[in-house]
Amino acid sequence: MDSLTFESDDLGETEEFLSRAYARMRIGSTTPAASTARVRREAASSFSVDEIDLDFEMSYSVNPLGRICLCVVHEGTVQDHAFHGVRDSFVPGDTVLFAPDDLPYAGRICTARYNITMLDPGLLDQVAASSDPRPAERVRLTGHRPRSRAAGDRLKATIFYVRDHVLADPDTAAEPLVVSAAGQLLAANVLAAFPSTAGTGPTAQDRGDAHPATLRRAIAYIEDHADQPITVADMAAAVHVTIRTLQYAFRRHLDTTPMAHLRKVRLAQAHRDLVAADPHSGVTVAAVAARWGFAHPGRFASLYRDAYGTGPADTLRD
C-alpha cells in the first residue's frame, strides 16, 4: 500500500503535485494569495482513495487520467465540470463519475472538501457479466450520474468502507486477499451505481452452459485457489464459460453467487486456522480474518457466528 500527504499554499507547487498524482493538468485561481491545498492519499495497486481540501477557488483542465475517477463532494461545490458531451455542477452529498478514463475534463472547484477515488478500468472487466468470454470491448460506464440517489449512497458507503477498514490499516492493506476483495467490491458497486455496457440477464447460451458440470468445475477451482486473490473472471476463464454463465450456474443450482461461495470457503479456512492455533502464540482473530480476505472484524465475527454458532474469539481461546 502507498500513502502520501501534501499541503501547500503555493499554486505552482500544487499544480506540479496534482500533475504527478493524477495526470498532466493546468490550474488557476482568482485568489492566488490564499490558496492552501491539502491532499491525503491511501492507495493499493489498482485503486486509490484521496481526501482533498481546497480553501480557494481553483479552475482545472486535466489530461485523461487512464483510470476511472469518482468524486464525492463533502463541502463546497464543483461547478461547470465538463468533458465530452457533459457539463454539470456538483454539490455536497453528490457521488459522481468525474471523468471516463480516456477523456480530458475541466471545471472549477469552489472552496471544497471532497473525495477522489480512482480505479483501474480493468477491475470492471473482472466483475462484469459479458456475453463473450473474450470480449473485444472492455466494459464502459455510459453515464456520469448514478441511476438513483440510493445507488450513489451505496457506492459512497463502499468507498468509505474501503478507505476506513482496508487502506487505513497498513497490516490489513498488506493482505493480498483483502486488497483483491476490496477492489472487486468497489468495481461491483460502481457497476451497480452507474449505467454501463455490462451484460444483464442470462442468454439462451448461458442457460445451456450453466449445467451441474460447470458448477462442479468452478467449485473445484475455488477450493484449490481460495488462498489466492482470484476474481469471478478468473473462475469463468478456468471453466471456459462467460462470467454471466457462471453467475447463472451458481444462482440456478445453489441460490448463491460465485463470490459468496468463495467467501464461504475462505470462512471455513479461517475456522480451521483458529481451531488449530495456539492462543498463547500471539495469533489474533483479526490477523486470521485478514489473511483470508475479511477486512472488517465485526463483519467477520457476524459471518463466523452465523456459520459456527460461536464467536471466532471463543474458538481461538478454546
C-alpha atoms as a PDB file:
ATOM      1  CA  MET A   1       0.000   0.000   0.000  1.00  0.00           C
ATOM      2  CA  ASP A   2       1.150   3.547  -0.771  1.00  0.00           C
ATOM      3  CA  SER A   3       0.343   6.613   1.300  1.00  0.00           C
ATOM      4  CA  LEU A   4       1.099  10.263   0.650  1.00  0.00           C
ATOM      5  CA  THR A   5       0.199  13.649   2.045  1.00  0.00           C
ATOM      6  CA  PHE A   6       0.586  17.097   0.533  1.00  0.00           C
ATOM      7  CA  GLU A   7      -0.032  20.612   1.787  1.00  0.00           C
ATOM      8  CA  SER A   8       0.960  23.861   0.140  1.00  0.00           C
ATOM      9  CA  ASP A   9      -0.244  27.428  -0.341  1.00  0.00           C
ATOM     10  CA  ASP A  10       1.856  27.845  -3.486  1.00  0.00           C
ATOM     11  CA  LEU A  11      -0.237  27.459  -6.643  1.00  0.00           C
ATOM     12  CA  GLY A  12       2.749  26.375  -8.731  1.00  0.00           C
ATOM     13  CA  GLU A  13       3.701  23.650  -6.257  1.00  0.00           C
ATOM     14  CA  THR A  14       0.086  22.489  -6.116  1.00  0.00           C
ATOM     15  CA  GLU A  15      -0.128  22.243  -9.912  1.00  0.00           C
ATOM     16  CA  GLU A  16       3.108  20.264 -10.033  1.00  0.00           C
ATOM     17  CA  PHE A  17       1.928  17.865  -7.330  1.00  0.00           C
ATOM     18  CA  LEU A  18      -1.512  17.323  -8.887  1.00  0.00           C
ATOM     19  CA  SER A  19       0.100  16.652 -12.267  1.00  0.00           C
ATOM     20  CA  ARG A  20       2.256  13.948 -10.700  1.00  0.00           C
ATOM     21  CA  ALA A  21      -0.538  12.456  -8.601  1.00  0.00           C
ATOM     22  CA  TYR A  22      -3.253  12.405 -11.302  1.00  0.00           C
ATOM     23  CA  ALA A  23      -2.412  13.475 -14.859  1.00  0.00           C
ATOM     24  CA  ARG A  24      -0.914  16.498 -16.515  1.00  0.00           C
ATOM     25  CA  MET A  25      -3.116  19.479 -15.673  1.00  0.00           C
ATOM     26  CA  ARG A  26      -3.274  23.247 -15.637  1.00  0.00           C
ATOM     27  CA  ILE A  27      -4.832  25.006 -12.662  1.00  0.00           C
ATOM     28  CA  GLY A  28      -5.601  28.628 -11.886  1.00  0.00           C
ATOM     29  CA  SER A  29      -7.164  30.719  -9.149  1.00  0.00           C
ATOM     30  CA  THR A  30      -8.829  34.082  -8.741  1.00  0.00           C
ATOM     31  CA  THR A  31      -7.381  34.212  -5.221  1.00  0.00           C
ATOM     32  CA  PRO A  32      -3.767  33.009  -5.594  1.00  0.00           C
ATOM     33  CA  ALA A  33      -2.668  34.772  -2.399  1.00  0.00           C
ATOM     34  CA  ALA A  34      -4.865  32.457  -0.301  1.00  0.00           C
ATOM     35  CA  SER A  35      -4.666  29.063  -1.932  1.00  0.00           C
ATOM     36  CA  THR A  36      -3.959  26.260   0.540  1.00  0.00           C
ATOM     37  CA  ALA A  37      -4.378  22.742  -0.844  1.00  0.00           C
ATOM     38  CA  ARG A  38      -4.333  19.616   1.322  1.00  0.00           C
ATOM     39  CA  VAL A  39      -4.323  16.073  -0.089  1.00  0.00           C
ATOM     40  CA  ARG A  40      -4.089  12.710   1.631  1.00  0.00           C
ATOM     41  CA  ARG A  41      -3.928   9.538  -0.450  1.00  0.00           C
ATOM     42  CA  GLU A  42      -4.154   5.881   0.503  1.00  0.00           C
ATOM     43  CA  ALA A  43      -3.577   3.564  -2.428  1.00  0.00           C
ATOM     44  CA  ALA A  44      -3.397  -0.076  -3.432  1.00  0.00           C
ATOM     45  CA  SER A  45      -2.100  -1.260  -6.790  1.00  0.00           C
ATOM     46  CA  SER A  46      -5.419  -0.988  -8.660  1.00  0.00           C
ATOM     47  CA  PHE A  47      -7.297   1.706  -6.746  1.00  0.00           C
ATOM     48  CA  SER A  48      -6.723   4.763  -4.584  1.00  0.00           C
ATOM     49  CA  VAL A  49      -8.790   6.939  -2.250  1.00  0.00           C
ATOM     50  CA  ASP A  50      -7.882  10.607  -1.770  1.00  0.00           C
ATOM     51  CA  GLU A  51      -9.278  13.214   0.600  1.00  0.00           C
ATOM     52  CA  ILE A  52      -8.773  16.733  -0.765  1.00  0.00           C
ATOM     53  CA  ASP A  53      -9.375  20.109   0.888  1.00  0.00           C
ATOM     54  CA  LEU A  54      -9.055  23.333  -1.103  1.00  0.00           C
ATOM     55  CA  ASP A  55      -9.778  26.606   0.727  1.00  0.00           C
ATOM     56  CA  PHE A  56      -9.829  28.600  -2.512  1.00  0.00           C
ATOM     57  CA  GLU A  57     -11.480  28.597  -5.926  1.00  0.00           C
ATOM     58  CA  MET A  58      -9.445  26.562  -8.412  1.00  0.00           C
ATOM     59  CA  SER A  59     -10.036  26.102 -12.115  1.00  0.00           C
ATOM     60  CA  TYR A  60      -8.657  22.930 -13.671  1.00  0.00           C
ATOM     61  CA  SER A  61      -8.020  21.444 -17.088  1.00  0.00           C
ATOM     62  CA  VAL A  62      -6.850  17.816 -16.902  1.00  0.00           C
ATOM     63  CA  ASN A  63      -5.492  15.312 -19.411  1.00  0.00           C
ATOM     64  CA  PRO A  64      -7.046  11.808 -19.482  1.00  0.00           C
ATOM     65  CA  LEU A  65      -6.281  10.008 -16.211  1.00  0.00           C
ATOM     66  CA  GLY A  66      -6.149   6.443 -17.521  1.00  0.00           C
ATOM     67  CA  ARG A  67      -8.309   5.454 -14.529  1.00  0.00           C
ATOM     68  CA  ILE A  68     -11.977   5.698 -13.654  1.00  0.00           C
ATOM     69  CA  CYS A  69     -12.331   8.771 -11.426  1.00  0.00           C
ATOM     70  CA  LEU A  70     -15.176   9.106  -8.919  1.00  0.00           C
ATOM     71  CA  CYS A  71     -15.919  12.203  -6.846  1.00  0.00           C
ATOM     72  CA  VAL A  72     -17.840  12.503  -3.556  1.00  0.00           C
ATOM     73  CA  VAL A  73     -18.432  16.125  -2.533  1.00  0.00           C
ATOM     74  CA  HIS A  74     -18.299  16.738   1.230  1.00  0.00           C
ATOM     75  CA  GLU A  75     -18.398  20.557   1.351  1.00  0.00           C
ATOM     76  CA  GLY A  76     -18.391  23.362  -1.217  1.00  0.00           C
ATOM     77  CA  THR A  77     -19.219  22.886  -4.890  1.00  0.00           C
ATOM     78  CA  VAL A  78     -17.758  21.718  -8.167  1.00  0.00           C
ATOM     79  CA  GLN A  79     -19.012  23.975 -10.958  1.00  0.00           C
ATOM     80  CA  ASP A  80     -19.001  23.888 -14.757  1.00  0.00           C
ATOM     81  CA  HIS A  81     -17.435  20.425 -14.745  1.00  0.00           C
ATOM     82  CA  ALA A  82     -17.187  19.337 -18.370  1.00  0.00           C
ATOM     83  CA  PHE A  83     -15.980  16.517 -20.564  1.00  0.00           C
ATOM     84  CA  HIS A  84     -17.119  15.306 -23.988  1.00  0.00           C
ATOM     85  CA  GLY A  85     -20.888  15.868 -24.204  1.00  0.00           C
ATOM     86  CA  VAL A  86     -21.311  16.640 -20.480  1.00  0.00           C
ATOM     87  CA  ARG A  87     -21.486  19.843 -18.447  1.00  0.00           C
ATOM     88  CA  ASP A  88     -22.702  19.667 -14.843  1.00  0.00           C
ATOM     89  CA  SER A  89     -22.209  21.014 -11.314  1.00  0.00           C
ATOM     90  CA  PHE A  90     -21.996  19.004  -8.101  1.00  0.00           C
ATOM     91  CA  VAL A  91     -22.981  19.822  -4.514  1.00  0.00           C
ATOM     92  CA  PRO A  92     -22.411  18.226  -1.088  1.00  0.00           C
ATOM     93  CA  GLY A  93     -23.753  14.669  -0.998  1.00  0.00           C
ATOM     94  CA  ASP A  94     -23.262  14.047  -4.723  1.00  0.00           C
ATOM     95  CA  THR A  95     -21.385  10.906  -5.813  1.00  0.00           C
ATOM     96  CA  VAL A  96     -20.475  11.156  -9.495  1.00  0.00           C
ATOM     97  CA  LEU A  97     -18.209   9.843 -12.215  1.00  0.00           C
ATOM     98  CA  PHE A  98     -15.764  12.726 -12.548  1.00  0.00           C
ATOM     99  CA  ALA A  99     -14.452  11.528 -15.889  1.00  0.00           C
ATOM    100  CA  PRO A 100     -14.067   8.395 -18.017  1.00  0.00           C
ATOM    101  CA  ASP A 101     -10.513   7.106 -18.025  1.00  0.00           C
ATOM    102  CA  ASP A 102      -9.768   8.165 -21.618  1.00  0.00           C
ATOM    103  CA  LEU A 103     -11.221  11.696 -21.776  1.00  0.00           C
ATOM    104  CA  PRO A 104      -9.869  15.086 -20.652  1.00  0.00           C
ATOM    105  CA  TYR A 105     -12.038  17.243 -18.410  1.00  0.00           C
ATOM    106  CA  ALA A 106     -12.205  20.754 -16.964  1.00  0.00           C
ATOM    107  CA  GLY A 107     -14.126  22.802 -14.397  1.00  0.00           C
ATOM    108  CA  ARG A 108     -13.911  24.786 -11.148  1.00  0.00           C
ATOM    109  CA  ILE A 109     -13.561  23.698  -7.531  1.00  0.00           C
ATOM    110  CA  CYS A 110     -15.153  26.312  -5.266  1.00  0.00           C
ATOM    111  CA  THR A 111     -13.655  26.157  -1.767  1.00  0.00           C
ATOM    112  CA  ALA A 112     -14.451  22.491  -1.430  1.00  0.00           C
ATOM    113  CA  ARG A 113     -13.613  19.399   0.548  1.00  0.00           C
ATOM    114  CA  TYR A 114     -14.132  16.244  -1.469  1.00  0.00           C
ATOM    115  CA  ASN A 115     -13.109  12.651  -2.070  1.00  0.00           C
ATOM    116  CA  ILE A 116     -11.497  11.356  -5.250  1.00  0.00           C
ATOM    117  CA  THR A 117     -11.487   7.593  -5.781  1.00  0.00           C
ATOM    118  CA  MET A 118      -9.689   6.169  -8.804  1.00  0.00           C
ATOM    119  CA  LEU A 119      -9.664   2.605 -10.026  1.00  0.00           C
ATOM    120  CA  ASP A 120      -8.178   0.623 -12.850  1.00  0.00           C
ATOM    121  CA  PRO A 121     -10.789   0.200 -15.631  1.00  0.00           C
ATOM    122  CA  GLY A 122      -9.784  -3.468 -15.812  1.00  0.00           C
ATOM    123  CA  LEU A 123     -11.456  -4.013 -12.442  1.00  0.00           C
ATOM    124  CA  LEU A 124     -14.844  -3.615 -14.137  1.00  0.00           C
ATOM    125  CA  ASP A 125     -13.990  -6.436 -16.548  1.00  0.00           C
ATOM    126  CA  GLN A 126     -13.099  -8.671 -13.602  1.00  0.00           C
ATOM    127  CA  VAL A 127     -16.594  -8.472 -12.117  1.00  0.00           C
ATOM    128  CA  ALA A 128     -18.876  -7.653 -15.057  1.00  0.00           C
ATOM    129  CA  ALA A 129     -21.026 -10.198 -16.870  1.00  0.00           C
ATOM    130  CA  SER A 130     -20.489 -10.139 -20.616  1.00  0.00           C
ATOM    131  CA  SER A 131     -21.815 -12.252 -23.467  1.00  0.00           C
ATOM    132  CA  ASP A 132     -18.353 -13.100 -24.809  1.00  0.00           C
ATOM    133  CA  PRO A 133     -15.679 -14.988 -22.817  1.00  0.00           C
ATOM    134  CA  ARG A 134     -13.066 -12.871 -24.633  1.00  0.00           C
ATOM    135  CA  PRO A 135     -14.871  -9.571 -25.201  1.00  0.00           C
ATOM    136  CA  ALA A 136     -13.343  -7.314 -27.838  1.00  0.00           C
ATOM    137  CA  GLU A 137     -14.507  -4.212 -25.959  1.00  0.00           C
ATOM    138  CA  ARG A 138     -13.980  -3.602 -22.285  1.00  0.00           C
ATOM    139  CA  VAL A 139     -16.866  -2.607 -20.050  1.00  0.00           C
ATOM    140  CA  ARG A 140     -17.533   1.129 -20.102  1.00  0.00           C
ATOM    141  CA  LEU A 141     -19.660   3.409 -17.956  1.00  0.00           C
ATOM    142  CA  THR A 142     -22.233   5.299 -20.033  1.00  0.00           C
ATOM    143  CA  GLY A 143     -23.412   7.956 -17.573  1.00  0.00           C
ATOM    144  CA  HIS A 144     -21.764  10.261 -15.039  1.00  0.00           C
ATOM    145  CA  ARG A 145     -24.664  10.354 -12.552  1.00  0.00           C
ATOM    146  CA  PRO A 146     -25.773   7.278 -10.562  1.00  0.00           C
ATOM    147  CA  ARG A 147     -29.006   5.555 -11.522  1.00  0.00           C
ATOM    148  CA  SER A 148     -30.550   6.831  -8.269  1.00  0.00           C
ATOM    149  CA  ARG A 149     -29.615   8.676  -5.093  1.00  0.00           C
ATOM    150  CA  ALA A 150     -29.779   5.356  -3.210  1.00  0.00           C
ATOM    151  CA  ALA A 151     -27.335   3.763  -5.675  1.00  0.00           C
ATOM    152  CA  GLY A 152     -24.960   6.692  -5.214  1.00  0.00           C
ATOM    153  CA  ASP A 153     -25.225   6.456  -1.444  1.00  0.00           C
ATOM    154  CA  ARG A 154     -24.397   2.720  -1.523  1.00  0.00           C
ATOM    155  CA  LEU A 155     -21.320   3.437  -3.623  1.00  0.00           C
ATOM    156  CA  LYS A 156     -20.317   6.238  -1.255  1.00  0.00           C
ATOM    157  CA  ALA A 157     -20.617   3.871   1.719  1.00  0.00           C
ATOM    158  CA  THR A 158     -18.424   1.337  -0.094  1.00  0.00           C
ATOM    159  CA  ILE A 159     -15.763   3.960  -0.792  1.00  0.00           C
ATOM    160  CA  PHE A 160     -15.684   4.966   2.871  1.00  0.00           C
ATOM    161  CA  TYR A 161     -15.592   1.316   3.965  1.00  0.00           C
ATOM    162  CA  VAL A 162     -12.553   0.653   1.755  1.00  0.00           C
ATOM    163  CA  ARG A 163     -10.889   3.845   2.973  1.00  0.00           C
ATOM    164  CA  ASP A 164     -11.515   3.246   6.678  1.00  0.00           C
ATOM    165  CA  HIS A 165     -11.302  -0.543   7.025  1.00  0.00           C
ATOM    166  CA  VAL A 166      -8.828  -1.573   4.318  1.00  0.00           C
ATOM    167  CA  LEU A 167      -6.473   1.238   3.341  1.00  0.00           C
ATOM    168  CA  ALA A 168      -6.312   2.950   6.741  1.00  0.00           C
ATOM    169  CA  ASP A 169      -4.709  -0.077   8.420  1.00  0.00           C
ATOM    170  CA  PRO A 170      -1.275  -0.936   6.943  1.00  0.00           C
ATOM    171  CA  ASP A 171      -1.422  -4.521   8.248  1.00  0.00           C
ATOM    172  CA  THR A 172      -4.842  -5.126   6.692  1.00  0.00           C
ATOM    173  CA  ALA A 173      -3.865  -3.394   3.449  1.00  0.00           C
ATOM    174  CA  ALA A 174      -0.819  -5.683   3.189  1.00  0.00           C
ATOM    175  CA  GLU A 175      -3.040  -8.767   2.859  1.00  0.00           C
ATOM    176  CA  PRO A 176      -3.456  -9.671  -0.857  1.00  0.00           C
ATOM    177  CA  LEU A 177      -6.877 -11.275  -0.411  1.00  0.00           C
ATOM    178  CA  VAL A 178      -8.219  -8.203   1.387  1.00  0.00           C
ATOM    179  CA  VAL A 179      -6.965  -5.839  -1.311  1.00  0.00           C
ATOM    180  CA  SER A 180      -8.328  -8.069  -4.092  1.00  0.00           C
ATOM    181  CA  ALA A 181     -11.728  -8.309  -2.412  1.00  0.00           C
ATOM    182  CA  ALA A 182     -11.818  -4.540  -1.822  1.00  0.00           C
ATOM    183  CA  GLY A 183     -11.044  -3.797  -5.471  1.00  0.00           C
ATOM    184  CA  GLN A 184     -13.756  -6.163  -6.654  1.00  0.00           C
ATOM    185  CA  LEU A 185     -16.215  -4.702  -4.147  1.00  0.00           C
ATOM    186  CA  LEU A 186     -15.521  -1.198  -5.436  1.00  0.00           C
ATOM    187  CA  ALA A 187     -15.883  -2.270  -9.065  1.00  0.00           C
ATOM    188  CA  ALA A 188     -19.103  -4.172  -8.424  1.00  0.00           C
ATOM    189  CA  ASN A 189     -20.631  -1.168  -6.671  1.00  0.00           C
ATOM    190  CA  VAL A 190     -19.534   1.169  -9.461  1.00  0.00           C
ATOM    191  CA  LEU A 191     -21.332  -1.081 -11.960  1.00  0.00           C
ATOM    192  CA  ALA A 192     -24.378  -1.244  -9.698  1.00  0.00           C
ATOM    193  CA  ALA A 193     -24.445   2.554  -9.377  1.00  0.00           C
ATOM    194  CA  PHE A 194     -23.854   3.753 -12.941  1.00  0.00           C
ATOM    195  CA  PRO A 195     -25.323   2.779 -16.316  1.00  0.00           C
ATOM    196  CA  SER A 196     -22.792   0.764 -18.315  1.00  0.00           C
ATOM    197  CA  THR A 197     -22.259  -1.604 -21.227  1.00  0.00           C
ATOM    198  CA  ALA A 198     -22.118  -4.631 -18.898  1.00  0.00           C
ATOM    199  CA  GLY A 199     -24.448  -7.541 -19.679  1.00  0.00           C
ATOM    200  CA  THR A 200     -27.544  -8.165 -17.607  1.00  0.00           C
ATOM    201  CA  GLY A 201     -29.740 -11.264 -17.669  1.00  0.00           C
ATOM    202  CA  PRO A 202     -28.622 -14.715 -18.904  1.00  0.00           C
ATOM    203  CA  THR A 203     -28.937 -15.572 -22.584  1.00  0.00           C
ATOM    204  CA  ALA A 204     -30.080 -18.897 -24.026  1.00  0.00           C
ATOM    205  CA  GLN A 205     -26.393 -19.827 -24.423  1.00  0.00           C
ATOM    206  CA  ASP A 206     -25.731 -19.006 -20.778  1.00  0.00           C
ATOM    207  CA  ARG A 207     -28.654 -21.161 -19.685  1.00  0.00           C
ATOM    208  CA  GLY A 208     -27.383 -24.049 -21.759  1.00  0.00           C
ATOM    209  CA  ASP A 209     -23.825 -23.794 -20.423  1.00  0.00           C
ATOM    210  CA  ALA A 210     -24.851 -23.399 -16.772  1.00  0.00           C
ATOM    211  CA  HIS A 211     -25.134 -27.139 -16.157  1.00  0.00           C
ATOM    212  CA  PRO A 212     -24.015 -29.024 -12.997  1.00  0.00           C
ATOM    213  CA  ALA A 213     -20.669 -29.998 -14.537  1.00  0.00           C
ATOM    214  CA  THR A 214     -19.806 -26.307 -14.976  1.00  0.00           C
ATOM    215  CA  LEU A 215     -20.697 -25.706 -11.346  1.00  0.00           C
ATOM    216  CA  ARG A 216     -18.596 -28.630 -10.115  1.00  0.00           C
ATOM    217  CA  ARG A 217     -15.536 -27.435 -12.036  1.00  0.00           C
ATOM    218  CA  ALA A 218     -15.976 -23.908 -10.709  1.00  0.00           C
ATOM    219  CA  ILE A 219     -16.305 -25.126  -7.112  1.00  0.00           C
ATOM    220  CA  ALA A 220     -13.160 -27.244  -7.501  1.00  0.00           C
ATOM    221  CA  TYR A 221     -11.283 -24.220  -8.866  1.00  0.00           C
ATOM    222  CA  ILE A 222     -12.457 -22.073  -5.951  1.00  0.00           C
ATOM    223  CA  GLU A 223     -11.413 -24.647  -3.363  1.00  0.00           C
ATOM    224  CA  ASP A 224      -7.977 -25.050  -4.983  1.00  0.00           C
ATOM    225  CA  HIS A 225      -7.350 -21.285  -5.251  1.00  0.00           C
ATOM    226  CA  ALA A 226      -9.137 -19.797  -2.238  1.00  0.00           C
ATOM    227  CA  ASP A 227      -5.798 -18.661  -0.797  1.00  0.00           C
ATOM    228  CA  GLN A 228      -5.123 -16.549  -3.898  1.00  0.00           C
ATOM    229  CA  PRO A 229      -6.623 -13.191  -4.994  1.00  0.00           C
ATOM    230  CA  ILE A 230      -8.939 -14.668  -7.635  1.00  0.00           C
ATOM    231  CA  THR A 231     -11.831 -12.891  -9.334  1.00  0.00           C
ATOM    232  CA  VAL A 232     -15.062 -14.099 -10.868  1.00  0.00           C
ATOM    233  CA  ALA A 233     -13.391 -13.527 -14.244  1.00  0.00           C
ATOM    234  CA  ASP A 234     -10.633 -15.980 -13.232  1.00  0.00           C
ATOM    235  CA  MET A 235     -13.240 -18.565 -12.239  1.00  0.00           C
ATOM    236  CA  ALA A 236     -15.121 -18.199 -15.517  1.00  0.00           C
ATOM    237  CA  ALA A 237     -11.934 -18.436 -17.577  1.00  0.00           C
ATOM    238  CA  ALA A 238     -10.855 -21.568 -15.678  1.00  0.00           C
ATOM    239  CA  VAL A 239     -14.056 -23.415 -16.623  1.00  0.00           C
ATOM    240  CA  HIS A 240     -14.285 -21.878 -20.136  1.00  0.00           C
ATOM    241  CA  VAL A 241     -17.593 -20.038 -19.775  1.00  0.00           C
ATOM    242  CA  THR A 242     -18.645 -16.404 -19.550  1.00  0.00           C
ATOM    243  CA  ILE A 243     -18.973 -14.583 -16.260  1.00  0.00           C
ATOM    244  CA  ARG A 244     -22.710 -14.390 -16.847  1.00  0.00           C
ATOM    245  CA  THR A 245     -22.937 -18.160 -17.365  1.00  0.00           C
ATOM    246  CA  LEU A 246     -21.004 -18.792 -14.172  1.00  0.00           C
ATOM    247  CA  GLN A 247     -23.177 -16.411 -12.170  1.00  0.00           C
ATOM    248  CA  TYR A 248     -26.319 -18.054 -13.516  1.00  0.00           C
ATOM    249  CA  ALA A 249     -24.997 -21.552 -12.713  1.00  0.00           C
ATOM    250  CA  PHE A 250     -24.419 -20.648  -9.061  1.00  0.00           C
ATOM    251  CA  ARG A 251     -27.767 -18.903  -8.783  1.00  0.00           C
ATOM    252  CA  ARG A 252     -29.629 -21.732 -10.518  1.00  0.00           C
ATOM    253  CA  HIS A 253     -28.118 -24.669  -8.615  1.00  0.00           C
ATOM    254  CA  LEU A 254     -27.023 -23.190  -5.259  1.00  0.00           C
ATOM    255  CA  ASP A 255     -29.031 -19.976  -4.967  1.00  0.00           C
ATOM    256  CA  THR A 256     -25.823 -18.016  -4.352  1.00  0.00           C
ATOM    257  CA  THR A 257     -23.067 -16.212  -6.275  1.00  0.00           C
ATOM    258  CA  PRO A 258     -19.516 -17.299  -7.151  1.00  0.00           C
ATOM    259  CA  MET A 259     -18.029 -14.662  -4.827  1.00  0.00           C
ATOM    260  CA  ALA A 260     -20.351 -15.596  -1.968  1.00  0.00           C
ATOM    261  CA  HIS A 261     -19.252 -19.214  -2.354  1.00  0.00           C
ATOM    262  CA  LEU A 262     -15.611 -18.124  -2.349  1.00  0.00           C
ATOM    263  CA  ARG A 263     -16.274 -16.197   0.857  1.00  0.00           C
ATOM    264  CA  LYS A 264     -17.844 -19.338   2.388  1.00  0.00           C
ATOM    265  CA  VAL A 265     -14.759 -21.407   1.503  1.00  0.00           C
ATOM    266  CA  ARG A 266     -12.431 -18.762   2.936  1.00  0.00           C
ATOM    267  CA  LEU A 267     -14.527 -18.582   6.099  1.00  0.00           C
ATOM    268  CA  ALA A 268     -14.070 -22.332   6.513  1.00  0.00           C
ATOM    269  CA  GLN A 269     -10.301 -21.944   6.080  1.00  0.00           C
ATOM    270  CA  ALA A 270     -10.256 -19.202   8.710  1.00  0.00           C
ATOM    271  CA  HIS A 271     -12.208 -21.514  11.037  1.00  0.00           C
ATOM    272  CA  ARG A 272      -9.621 -24.273  10.558  1.00  0.00           C
ATOM    273  CA  ASP A 273      -6.801 -21.834  11.320  1.00  0.00           C
ATOM    274  CA  LEU A 274      -8.499 -20.664  14.514  1.00  0.00           C
ATOM    275  CA  VAL A 275      -9.144 -24.234  15.663  1.00  0.00           C
ATOM    276  CA  ALA A 276      -5.507 -25.190  15.033  1.00  0.00           C
ATOM    277  CA  ALA A 277      -3.955 -22.033  16.509  1.00  0.00           C
ATOM    278  CA  ASP A 278      -2.240 -21.849  19.879  1.00  0.00           C
ATOM    279  CA  PRO A 279      -3.978 -18.941  21.674  1.00  0.00           C
ATOM    280  CA  HIS A 280      -0.741 -18.205  23.547  1.00  0.00           C
ATOM    281  CA  SER A 281       1.329 -17.814  20.374  1.00  0.00           C
ATOM    282  CA  GLY A 282       0.193 -14.258  19.631  1.00  0.00           C
ATOM    283  CA  VAL A 283      -2.241 -15.228  16.879  1.00  0.00           C
ATOM    284  CA  THR A 284      -5.219 -12.858  16.724  1.00  0.00           C
ATOM    285  CA  VAL A 285      -8.676 -13.190  15.222  1.00  0.00           C
ATOM    286  CA  ALA A 286      -8.117 -10.013  13.190  1.00  0.00           C
ATOM    287  CA  ALA A 287      -4.918 -11.412  11.648  1.00  0.00           C
ATOM    288  CA  VAL A 288      -6.563 -14.713  10.705  1.00  0.00           C
ATOM    289  CA  ALA A 289      -9.573 -12.876   9.276  1.00  0.00           C
ATOM    290  CA  ALA A 290      -7.389 -10.561   7.181  1.00  0.00           C
ATOM    291  CA  ARG A 291      -5.295 -13.482   5.922  1.00  0.00           C
ATOM    292  CA  TRP A 292      -8.476 -14.922   4.410  1.00  0.00           C
ATOM    293  CA  GLY A 293      -9.755 -11.671   2.960  1.00  0.00           C
ATOM    294  CA  PHE A 294     -12.001 -10.334   5.738  1.00  0.00           C
ATOM    295  CA  ALA A 295     -11.094  -6.721   6.444  1.00  0.00           C
ATOM    296  CA  HIS A 296     -13.812  -5.828   8.942  1.00  0.00           C
ATOM    297  CA  PRO A 297     -13.524  -7.754  12.252  1.00  0.00           C
ATOM    298  CA  GLY A 298     -17.144  -7.110  13.179  1.00  0.00           C
ATOM    299  CA  ARG A 299     -18.494  -8.433   9.887  1.00  0.00           C
ATOM    300  CA  PHE A 300     -16.162 -11.419  10.082  1.00  0.00           C
ATOM    301  CA  ALA A 301     -17.395 -12.207  13.587  1.00  0.00           C
ATOM    302  CA  SER A 302     -21.019 -11.995  12.435  1.00  0.00           C
ATOM    303  CA  LEU A 303     -20.429 -14.330   9.479  1.00  0.00           C
ATOM    304  CA  TYR A 304     -18.463 -16.687  11.670  1.00  0.00           C
ATOM    305  CA  ARG A 305     -21.155 -16.807  14.355  1.00  0.00           C
ATOM    306  CA  ASP A 306     -23.844 -17.493  11.741  1.00  0.00           C
ATOM    307  CA  ALA A 307     -21.807 -20.375  10.329  1.00  0.00           C
ATOM    308  CA  TYR A 308     -20.417 -21.975  13.501  1.00  0.00           C
ATOM    309  CA  GLY A 309     -22.724 -20.883  16.317  1.00  0.00           C
ATOM    310  CA  THR A 310     -19.941 -19.269  18.317  1.00  0.00           C
ATOM    311  CA  GLY A 311     -17.622 -16.290  18.057  1.00  0.00           C
ATOM    312  CA  PRO A 312     -14.166 -16.562  16.468  1.00  0.00           C
ATOM    313  CA  ALA A 313     -12.519 -15.341  19.679  1.00  0.00           C
ATOM    314  CA  ASP A 314     -14.191 -18.211  21.551  1.00  0.00           C
ATOM    315  CA  THR A 315     -12.849 -20.718  19.015  1.00  0.00           C
ATOM    316  CA  LEU A 316      -9.333 -19.332  19.360  1.00  0.00           C
ATOM    317  CA  ARG A 317      -9.482 -19.281  23.163  1.00  0.00           C
ATOM    318  CA  ASP A 318     -10.946 -22.786  23.475  1.00  0.00           C
END
